[in-house]
Amino acid sequence: MPVDIAELESTIRSAFSVTHLEIEDQSSGCGENYLVLIVSEDFKGKTTLARHRLVNEALKIHIAEMHAFSQKSYTPEQYDALCAKST
């Protein structure tokens, strides 16, 4: 069963204080392979593994319906630094 981007966005925004969010359906629109980039203050002081566990827990119902799921999770400061590097 395909996962809807709007459902993913709603779940993420209700679970975290999101300052930036990108959701990409990498399955050509069939809703079975997603990449999410989440920027949130909630990730401060947490390791990458801890952040991924938080996101996986929040999205576990949706992830169970996907073929593949990948994520990038940053604090606002990390994301700003990443953006500054790429310009």
PDB file of N, CA and C in Angstrom:
ATOM      1  N   MET A   1       0.846  -1.184   0.000  1.00  0.00           N
ATOM      2  CA  MET A   1       0.000   0.000   0.000  1.00  0.00           C
ATOM      3  C   MET A   1       0.891   1.246   0.000  1.00  0.00           C
ATOM      4  N   PRO A   2       0.694   2.151  -0.948  1.00  0.00           N
ATOM      5  CA  PRO A   2       1.542   3.336  -1.017  1.00  0.00           C
ATOM      6  C   PRO A   2       1.339   4.272   0.170  1.00  0.00           C
ATOM      7  N   VAL A   3       2.407   4.949   0.524  1.00  0.00           N
ATOM      8  CA  VAL A   3       2.372   5.917   1.614  1.00  0.00           C
ATOM      9  C   VAL A   3       2.252   7.302   0.992  1.00  0.00           C
ATOM     10  N   ASP A   4       1.353   8.101   1.517  1.00  0.00           N
ATOM     11  CA  ASP A   4       1.084   9.437   1.007  1.00  0.00           C
ATOM     12  C   ASP A   4       2.040  10.460   1.629  1.00  0.00           C
ATOM     13  N   ILE A   5       2.589  11.349   0.799  1.00  0.00           N
ATOM     14  CA  ILE A   5       3.519  12.372   1.288  1.00  0.00           C
ATOM     15  C   ILE A   5       2.851  13.251   2.339  1.00  0.00           C
ATOM     16  N   ALA A   6       1.597  13.593   2.137  1.00  0.00           N
ATOM     17  CA  ALA A   6       0.886  14.449   3.102  1.00  0.00           C
ATOM     18  C   ALA A   6       0.786  13.782   4.472  1.00  0.00           C
ATOM     19  N   GLU A   7       0.567  12.476   4.487  1.00  0.00           N
ATOM     20  CA  GLU A   7       0.519  11.737   5.757  1.00  0.00           C
ATOM     21  C   GLU A   7       1.881  11.749   6.443  1.00  0.00           C
ATOM     22  N   LEU A   8       2.939  11.531   5.661  1.00  0.00           N
ATOM     23  CA  LEU A   8       4.293  11.569   6.225  1.00  0.00           C
ATOM     24  C   LEU A   8       4.578  12.949   6.821  1.00  0.00           C
ATOM     25  N   GLU A   9       4.268  13.987   6.054  1.00  0.00           N
ATOM     26  CA  GLU A   9       4.534  15.339   6.525  1.00  0.00           C
ATOM     27  C   GLU A   9       3.762  15.634   7.809  1.00  0.00           C
ATOM     28  N   SER A  10       2.514  15.279   7.840  1.00  0.00           N
ATOM     29  CA  SER A  10       1.687  15.518   9.024  1.00  0.00           C
ATOM     30  C   SER A  10       2.242  14.793  10.247  1.00  0.00           C
ATOM     31  N   THR A  11       2.633  13.555  10.078  1.00  0.00           N
ATOM     32  CA  THR A  11       3.184  12.777  11.188  1.00  0.00           C
ATOM     33  C   THR A  11       4.489  13.379  11.688  1.00  0.00           C
ATOM     34  N   ILE A  12       5.365  13.766  10.767  1.00  0.00           N
ATOM     35  CA  ILE A  12       6.654  14.352  11.153  1.00  0.00           C
ATOM     36  C   ILE A  12       6.441  15.674  11.880  1.00  0.00           C
ATOM     37  N   ARG A  13       5.579  16.520  11.325  1.00  0.00           N
ATOM     38  CA  ARG A  13       5.345  17.838  11.939  1.00  0.00           C
ATOM     39  C   ARG A  13       4.662  17.738  13.303  1.00  0.00           C
ATOM     40  N   SER A  14       3.875  16.706  13.510  1.00  0.00           N
ATOM     41  CA  SER A  14       3.242  16.554  14.825  1.00  0.00           C
ATOM     42  C   SER A  14       4.201  15.945  15.853  1.00  0.00           C
ATOM     43  N   ALA A  15       5.240  15.245  15.381  1.00  0.00           N
ATOM     44  CA  ALA A  15       6.187  14.600  16.295  1.00  0.00           C
ATOM     45  C   ALA A  15       7.383  15.484  16.658  1.00  0.00           C
ATOM     46  N   PHE A  16       7.730  16.424  15.775  1.00  0.00           N
ATOM     47  CA  PHE A  16       8.938  17.230  15.968  1.00  0.00           C
ATOM     48  C   PHE A  16       8.657  18.710  15.704  1.00  0.00           C
ATOM     49  N   SER A  17       9.460  19.570  16.320  1.00  0.00           N
ATOM     50  CA  SER A  17       9.418  21.007  16.019  1.00  0.00           C
ATOM     51  C   SER A  17      10.276  21.215  14.775  1.00  0.00           C
ATOM     52  N   VAL A  18       9.670  21.143  13.647  1.00  0.00           N
ATOM     53  CA  VAL A  18      10.381  21.173  12.371  1.00  0.00           C
ATOM     54  C   VAL A  18      10.632  22.616  11.926  1.00  0.00           C
ATOM     55  N   THR A  19      11.892  22.903  11.588  1.00  0.00           N
ATOM     56  CA  THR A  19      12.200  24.207  11.008  1.00  0.00           C
ATOM     57  C   THR A  19      12.400  24.096   9.496  1.00  0.00           C
ATOM     58  N   HIS A  20      12.695  22.901   9.012  1.00  0.00           N
ATOM     59  CA  HIS A  20      12.810  22.658   7.575  1.00  0.00           C
ATOM     60  C   HIS A  20      12.523  21.174   7.331  1.00  0.00           C
ATOM     61  N   LEU A  21      11.773  20.904   6.273  1.00  0.00           N
ATOM     62  CA  LEU A  21      11.411  19.522   5.959  1.00  0.00           C
ATOM     63  C   LEU A  21      11.376  19.330   4.453  1.00  0.00           C
ATOM     64  N   GLU A  22      12.031  18.283   3.994  1.00  0.00           N
ATOM     65  CA  GLU A  22      11.963  17.875   2.592  1.00  0.00           C
ATOM     66  C   GLU A  22      11.607  16.395   2.561  1.00  0.00           C
ATOM     67  N   ILE A  23      10.638  16.070   1.748  1.00  0.00           N
ATOM     68  CA  ILE A  23      10.229  14.675   1.569  1.00  0.00           C
ATOM     69  C   ILE A  23      10.281  14.382   0.083  1.00  0.00           C
ATOM     70  N   GLU A  24      11.033  13.365  -0.274  1.00  0.00           N
ATOM     71  CA  GLU A  24      11.196  13.012  -1.686  1.00  0.00           C
ATOM     72  C   GLU A  24      10.764  11.571  -1.912  1.00  0.00           C
ATOM     73  N   ASP A  25       9.790  11.419  -2.796  1.00  0.00           N
ATOM     74  CA  ASP A  25       9.373  10.081  -3.208  1.00  0.00           C
ATOM     75  C   ASP A  25      10.361   9.626  -4.279  1.00  0.00           C
ATOM     76  N   GLN A  26      11.194   8.675  -3.949  1.00  0.00           N
ATOM     77  CA  GLN A  26      12.223   8.189  -4.865  1.00  0.00           C
ATOM     78  C   GLN A  26      11.765   6.969  -5.649  1.00  0.00           C
ATOM     79  N   SER A  27      10.470   6.709  -5.618  1.00  0.00           N
ATOM     80  CA  SER A  27       9.942   5.525  -6.305  1.00  0.00           C
ATOM     81  C   SER A  27       9.093   5.906  -7.510  1.00  0.00           C
ATOM     82  N   SER A  28       9.368   7.048  -8.095  1.00  0.00           N
ATOM     83  CA  SER A  28       8.638   7.512  -9.283  1.00  0.00           C
ATOM     84  C   SER A  28       7.140   7.626  -9.043  1.00  0.00           C
ATOM     85  N   GLY A  29       6.782   8.036  -7.838  1.00  0.00           N
ATOM     86  CA  GLY A  29       5.381   8.299  -7.539  1.00  0.00           C
ATOM     87  C   GLY A  29       4.571   7.151  -6.979  1.00  0.00           C
ATOM     88  N   CYS A  30       5.160   5.984  -6.808  1.00  0.00           N
ATOM     89  CA  CYS A  30       4.358   4.867  -6.292  1.00  0.00           C
ATOM     90  C   CYS A  30       4.289   4.843  -4.761  1.00  0.00           C
ATOM     91  N   GLY A  31       5.056   5.701  -4.079  1.00  0.00           N
ATOM     92  CA  GLY A  31       4.938   5.840  -2.632  1.00  0.00           C
ATOM     93  C   GLY A  31       5.535   4.714  -1.819  1.00  0.00           C
ATOM     94  N   GLU A  32       6.563   4.064  -2.333  1.00  0.00           N
ATOM     95  CA  GLU A  32       7.164   2.958  -1.588  1.00  0.00           C
ATOM     96  C   GLU A  32       8.626   3.178  -1.220  1.00  0.00           C
ATOM     97  N   ASN A  33       9.185   4.318  -1.602  1.00  0.00           N
ATOM     98  CA  ASN A  33      10.593   4.590  -1.322  1.00  0.00           C
ATOM     99  C   ASN A  33      10.741   6.089  -1.069  1.00  0.00           C
ATOM    100  N   TYR A  34      11.028   6.457   0.170  1.00  0.00           N
ATOM    101  CA  TYR A  34      11.116   7.865   0.534  1.00  0.00           C
ATOM    102  C   TYR A  34      12.464   8.227   1.142  1.00  0.00           C
ATOM    103  N   LEU A  35      12.848   9.471   0.872  1.00  0.00           N
ATOM    104  CA  LEU A  35      13.984  10.107   1.535  1.00  0.00           C
ATOM    105  C   LEU A  35      13.423  11.333   2.230  1.00  0.00           C
ATOM    106  N   VAL A  36      13.691  11.466   3.520  1.00  0.00           N
ATOM    107  CA  VAL A  36      13.253  12.657   4.251  1.00  0.00           C
ATOM    108  C   VAL A  36      14.466  13.368   4.832  1.00  0.00           C
ATOM    109  N   LEU A  37      14.401  14.679   4.800  1.00  0.00           N
ATOM    110  CA  LEU A  37      15.400  15.525   5.438  1.00  0.00           C
ATOM    111  C   LEU A  37      14.640  16.354   6.454  1.00  0.00           C
ATOM    112  N   ILE A  38      15.005  16.204   7.722  1.00  0.00           N
ATOM    113  CA  ILE A  38      14.307  16.885   8.808  1.00  0.00           C
ATOM    114  C   ILE A  38      15.301  17.746   9.567  1.00  0.00           C
ATOM    115  N   VAL A  39      14.943  19.004   9.760  1.00  0.00           N
ATOM    116  CA  VAL A  39      15.744  19.916  10.573  1.00  0.00           C
ATOM    117  C   VAL A  39      14.880  20.292  11.768  1.00  0.00           C
ATOM    118  N   SER A  40      15.409  20.042  12.971  1.00  0.00           N
ATOM    119  CA  SER A  40      14.620  20.294  14.170  1.00  0.00           C
ATOM    120  C   SER A  40      15.510  20.570  15.379  1.00  0.00           C
ATOM    121  N   GLU A  41      15.040  21.456  16.223  1.00  0.00           N
ATOM    122  CA  GLU A  41      15.702  21.721  17.507  1.00  0.00           C
ATOM    123  C   GLU A  41      15.684  20.469  18.393  1.00  0.00           C
ATOM    124  N   ASP A  42      14.728  19.596  18.145  1.00  0.00           N
ATOM    125  CA  ASP A  42      14.591  18.377  18.953  1.00  0.00           C
ATOM    126  C   ASP A  42      15.802  17.455  18.839  1.00  0.00           C
ATOM    127  N   PHE A  43      16.625  17.656  17.823  1.00  0.00           N
ATOM    128  CA  PHE A  43      17.787  16.798  17.612  1.00  0.00           C
ATOM    129  C   PHE A  43      19.038  17.286  18.332  1.00  0.00           C
ATOM    130  N   LYS A  44      18.968  18.451  18.952  1.00  0.00           N
ATOM    131  CA  LYS A  44      20.144  18.984  19.658  1.00  0.00           C
ATOM    132  C   LYS A  44      20.592  18.030  20.759  1.00  0.00           C
ATOM    133  N   GLY A  45      21.896  17.795  20.814  1.00  0.00           N
ATOM    134  CA  GLY A  45      22.467  16.945  21.853  1.00  0.00           C
ATOM    135  C   GLY A  45      22.282  15.457  21.628  1.00  0.00           C
ATOM    136  N   LYS A  46      21.699  15.076  20.503  1.00  0.00           N
ATOM    137  CA  LYS A  46      21.474  13.654  20.225  1.00  0.00           C
ATOM    138  C   LYS A  46      22.418  13.190  19.115  1.00  0.00           C
ATOM    139  N   THR A  47      22.846  11.962  19.219  1.00  0.00           N
ATOM    140  CA  THR A  47      23.687  11.371  18.183  1.00  0.00           C
ATOM    141  C   THR A  47      22.836  11.100  16.944  1.00  0.00           C
ATOM    142  N   THR A  48      23.502  10.843  15.840  1.00  0.00           N
ATOM    143  CA  THR A  48      22.787  10.506  14.606  1.00  0.00           C
ATOM    144  C   THR A  48      21.910   9.279  14.817  1.00  0.00           C
ATOM    145  N   LEU A  49      22.450   8.281  15.497  1.00  0.00           N
ATOM    146  CA  LEU A  49      21.675   7.069  15.756  1.00  0.00           C
ATOM    147  C   LEU A  49      20.433   7.368  16.587  1.00  0.00           C
ATOM    148  N   ALA A  50      20.566   8.191  17.604  1.00  0.00           N
ATOM    149  CA  ALA A  50      19.421   8.542  18.454  1.00  0.00           C
ATOM    150  C   ALA A  50      18.369   9.305  17.649  1.00  0.00           C
ATOM    151  N   ARG A  51      18.813  10.187  16.778  1.00  0.00           N
ATOM    152  CA  ARG A  51      17.874  10.939  15.924  1.00  0.00           C
ATOM    153  C   ARG A  51      17.123   9.986  15.002  1.00  0.00           C
ATOM    154  N   HIS A  52      17.851   9.076  14.384  1.00  0.00           N
ATOM    155  CA  HIS A  52      17.216   8.126  13.472  1.00  0.00           C
ATOM    156  C   HIS A  52      16.212   7.245  14.208  1.00  0.00           C
ATOM    157  N   ARG A  53      16.555   6.860  15.399  1.00  0.00           N
ATOM    158  CA  ARG A  53      15.612   6.046  16.187  1.00  0.00           C
ATOM    159  C   ARG A  53      14.346   6.824  16.503  1.00  0.00           C
ATOM    160  N   LEU A  54      14.487   8.109  16.837  1.00  0.00           N
ATOM    161  CA  LEU A  54      13.316   8.949  17.117  1.00  0.00           C
ATOM    162  C   LEU A  54      12.417   9.046  15.887  1.00  0.00           C
ATOM    163  N   VAL A  55      13.021   9.307  14.742  1.00  0.00           N
ATOM    164  CA  VAL A  55      12.247   9.434  13.504  1.00  0.00           C
ATOM    165  C   VAL A  55      11.611   8.093  13.135  1.00  0.00           C
ATOM    166  N   ASN A  56      12.377   7.024  13.220  1.00  0.00           N
ATOM    167  CA  ASN A  56      11.833   5.700  12.908  1.00  0.00           C
ATOM    168  C   ASN A  56      10.660   5.349  13.810  1.00  0.00           C
ATOM    169  N   GLU A  57      10.758   5.688  15.072  1.00  0.00           N
ATOM    170  CA  GLU A  57       9.662   5.414  16.015  1.00  0.00           C
ATOM    171  C   GLU A  57       8.422   6.228  15.643  1.00  0.00           C
ATOM    172  N   ALA A  58       8.614   7.495  15.318  1.00  0.00           N
ATOM    173  CA  ALA A  58       7.482   8.355  14.968  1.00  0.00           C
ATOM    174  C   ALA A  58       6.799   7.889  13.674  1.00  0.00           C
ATOM    175  N   LEU A  59       7.587   7.316  12.765  1.00  0.00           N
ATOM    176  CA  LEU A  59       7.056   6.921  11.459  1.00  0.00           C
ATOM    177  C   LEU A  59       6.883   5.415  11.293  1.00  0.00           C
ATOM    178  N   LYS A  60       6.935   4.664  12.371  1.00  0.00           N
ATOM    179  CA  LYS A  60       6.977   3.204  12.260  1.00  0.00           C
ATOM    180  C   LYS A  60       5.800   2.606  11.496  1.00  0.00           C
ATOM    181  N   ILE A  61       4.626   3.159  11.634  1.00  0.00           N
ATOM    182  CA  ILE A  61       3.465   2.627  10.904  1.00  0.00           C
ATOM    183  C   ILE A  61       3.650   2.836   9.401  1.00  0.00           C
ATOM    184  N   HIS A  62       4.149   4.018   9.031  1.00  0.00           N
ATOM    185  CA  HIS A  62       4.363   4.328   7.620  1.00  0.00           C
ATOM    186  C   HIS A  62       5.538   3.531   7.047  1.00  0.00           C
ATOM    187  N   ILE A  63       6.617   3.442   7.817  1.00  0.00           N
ATOM    188  CA  ILE A  63       7.806   2.727   7.343  1.00  0.00           C
ATOM    189  C   ILE A  63       7.489   1.255   7.072  1.00  0.00           C
ATOM    190  N   ALA A  64       6.606   0.686   7.874  1.00  0.00           N
ATOM    191  CA  ALA A  64       6.229  -0.716   7.684  1.00  0.00           C
ATOM    192  C   ALA A  64       5.563  -0.943   6.325  1.00  0.00           C
ATOM    193  N   GLU A  65       4.995   0.108   5.734  1.00  0.00           N
ATOM    194  CA  GLU A  65       4.317  -0.012   4.452  1.00  0.00           C
ATOM    195  C   GLU A  65       5.228   0.314   3.268  1.00  0.00           C
ATOM    196  N   MET A  66       6.483   0.709   3.550  1.00  0.00           N
ATOM    197  CA  MET A  66       7.403   1.116   2.487  1.00  0.00           C
ATOM    198  C   MET A  66       8.358  -0.017   2.121  1.00  0.00           C
ATOM    199  N   HIS A  67       8.875   0.103   0.921  1.00  0.00           N
ATOM    200  CA  HIS A  67       9.937  -0.802   0.494  1.00  0.00           C
ATOM    201  C   HIS A  67      11.286  -0.296   1.017  1.00  0.00           C
ATOM    202  N   ALA A  68      11.492   1.033   0.980  1.00  0.00           N
ATOM    203  CA  ALA A  68      12.754   1.623   1.431  1.00  0.00           C
ATOM    204  C   ALA A  68      12.488   2.992   2.042  1.00  0.00           C
ATOM    205  N   PHE A  69      13.294   3.326   3.055  1.00  0.00           N
ATOM    206  CA  PHE A  69      13.173   4.615   3.738  1.00  0.00           C
ATOM    207  C   PHE A  69      14.565   5.059   4.155  1.00  0.00           C
ATOM    208  N   SER A  70      14.903   6.292   3.844  1.00  0.00           N
ATOM    209  CA  SER A  70      16.167   6.842   4.318  1.00  0.00           C
ATOM    210  C   SER A  70      15.904   8.249   4.841  1.00  0.00           C
ATOM    211  N   GLN A  71      16.770   8.657   5.755  1.00  0.00           N
ATOM    212  CA  GLN A  71      16.565   9.943   6.392  1.00  0.00           C
ATOM    213  C   GLN A  71      17.864  10.658   6.655  1.00  0.00           C
ATOM    214  N   LYS A  72      17.755  11.968   6.718  1.00  0.00           N
ATOM    215  CA  LYS A  72      18.838  12.831   7.164  1.00  0.00           C
ATOM    216  C   LYS A  72      18.211  13.743   8.204  1.00  0.00           C
ATOM    217  N   SER A  73      18.827  13.820   9.360  1.00  0.00           N
ATOM    218  CA  SER A  73      18.270  14.634  10.440  1.00  0.00           C
ATOM    219  C   SER A  73      19.355  15.552  10.986  1.00  0.00           C
ATOM    220  N   TYR A  74      19.037  16.840  11.031  1.00  0.00           N
ATOM    221  CA  TYR A  74      20.003  17.847  11.432  1.00  0.00           C
ATOM    222  C   TYR A  74      19.396  18.811  12.451  1.00  0.00           C
ATOM    223  N   THR A  75      20.259  19.409  13.244  1.00  0.00           N
ATOM    224  CA  THR A  75      19.843  20.552  14.046  1.00  0.00           C
ATOM    225  C   THR A  75      19.844  21.757  13.105  1.00  0.00           C
ATOM    226  N   PRO A  76      19.176  22.847  13.466  1.00  0.00           N
ATOM    227  CA  PRO A  76      19.207  24.032  12.601  1.00  0.00           C
ATOM    228  C   PRO A  76      20.627  24.541  12.348  1.00  0.00           C
ATOM    229  N   GLU A  77      21.484  24.477  13.343  1.00  0.00           N
ATOM    230  CA  GLU A  77      22.861  24.940  13.180  1.00  0.00           C
ATOM    231  C   GLU A  77      23.627  24.062  12.195  1.00  0.00           C
ATOM    232  N   GLN A  78      23.442  22.755  12.300  1.00  0.00           N
ATOM    233  CA  GLN A  78      24.096  21.841  11.370  1.00  0.00           C
ATOM    234  C   GLN A  78      23.603  22.054   9.945  1.00  0.00           C
ATOM    235  N   TYR A  79      22.328  22.265   9.798  1.00  0.00           N
ATOM    236  CA  TYR A  79      21.759  22.474   8.462  1.00  0.00           C
ATOM    237  C   TYR A  79      22.240  23.786   7.863  1.00  0.00           C
ATOM    238  N   ASP A  80      22.293  24.842   8.681  1.00  0.00           N
ATOM    239  CA  ASP A  80      22.820  26.128   8.197  1.00  0.00           C
ATOM    240  C   ASP A  80      24.260  25.993   7.734  1.00  0.00           C
ATOM    241  N   ALA A  81      25.073  25.270   8.509  1.00  0.00           N
ATOM    242  CA  ALA A  81      26.477  25.056   8.142  1.00  0.00           C
ATOM    243  C   ALA A  81      26.585  24.247   6.852  1.00  0.00           C
ATOM    244  N   LEU A  82      25.737  23.250   6.699  1.00  0.00           N
ATOM    245  CA  LEU A  82      25.714  22.430   5.490  1.00  0.00           C
ATOM    246  C   LEU A  82      25.345  23.270   4.271  1.00  0.00           C
ATOM    247  N   CYS A  83      24.357  24.114   4.420  1.00  0.00           N
ATOM    248  CA  CYS A  83      23.938  24.986   3.326  1.00  0.00           C
ATOM    249  C   CYS A  83      25.002  25.996   2.974  1.00  0.00           C
ATOM    250  N   ALA A  84      25.677  26.523   3.978  1.00  0.00           N
ATOM    251  CA  ALA A  84      26.751  27.500   3.749  1.00  0.00           C
ATOM    252  C   ALA A  84      27.914  26.862   2.993  1.00  0.00           C
ATOM    253  N   LYS A  85      28.191  25.593   3.289  1.00  0.00           N
ATOM    254  CA  LYS A  85      29.259  24.863   2.610  1.00  0.00           C
ATOM    255  C   LYS A  85      28.967  24.682   1.129  1.00  0.00           C
ATOM    256  N   SER A  86      27.717  24.441   0.804  1.00  0.00           N
ATOM    257  CA  SER A  86      27.364  24.123  -0.570  1.00  0.00           C
ATOM    258  C   SER A  86      27.202  25.350  -1.461  1.00  0.00           C
ATOM    259  N   THR A  87      27.313  26.543  -0.870  1.00  0.00           N
ATOM    260  CA  THR A  87      27.210  27.760  -1.704  1.00  0.00           C
ATOM    261  C   THR A  87      28.561  28.337  -2.013  1.00  0.00           C
TER     262      THR A  87
END
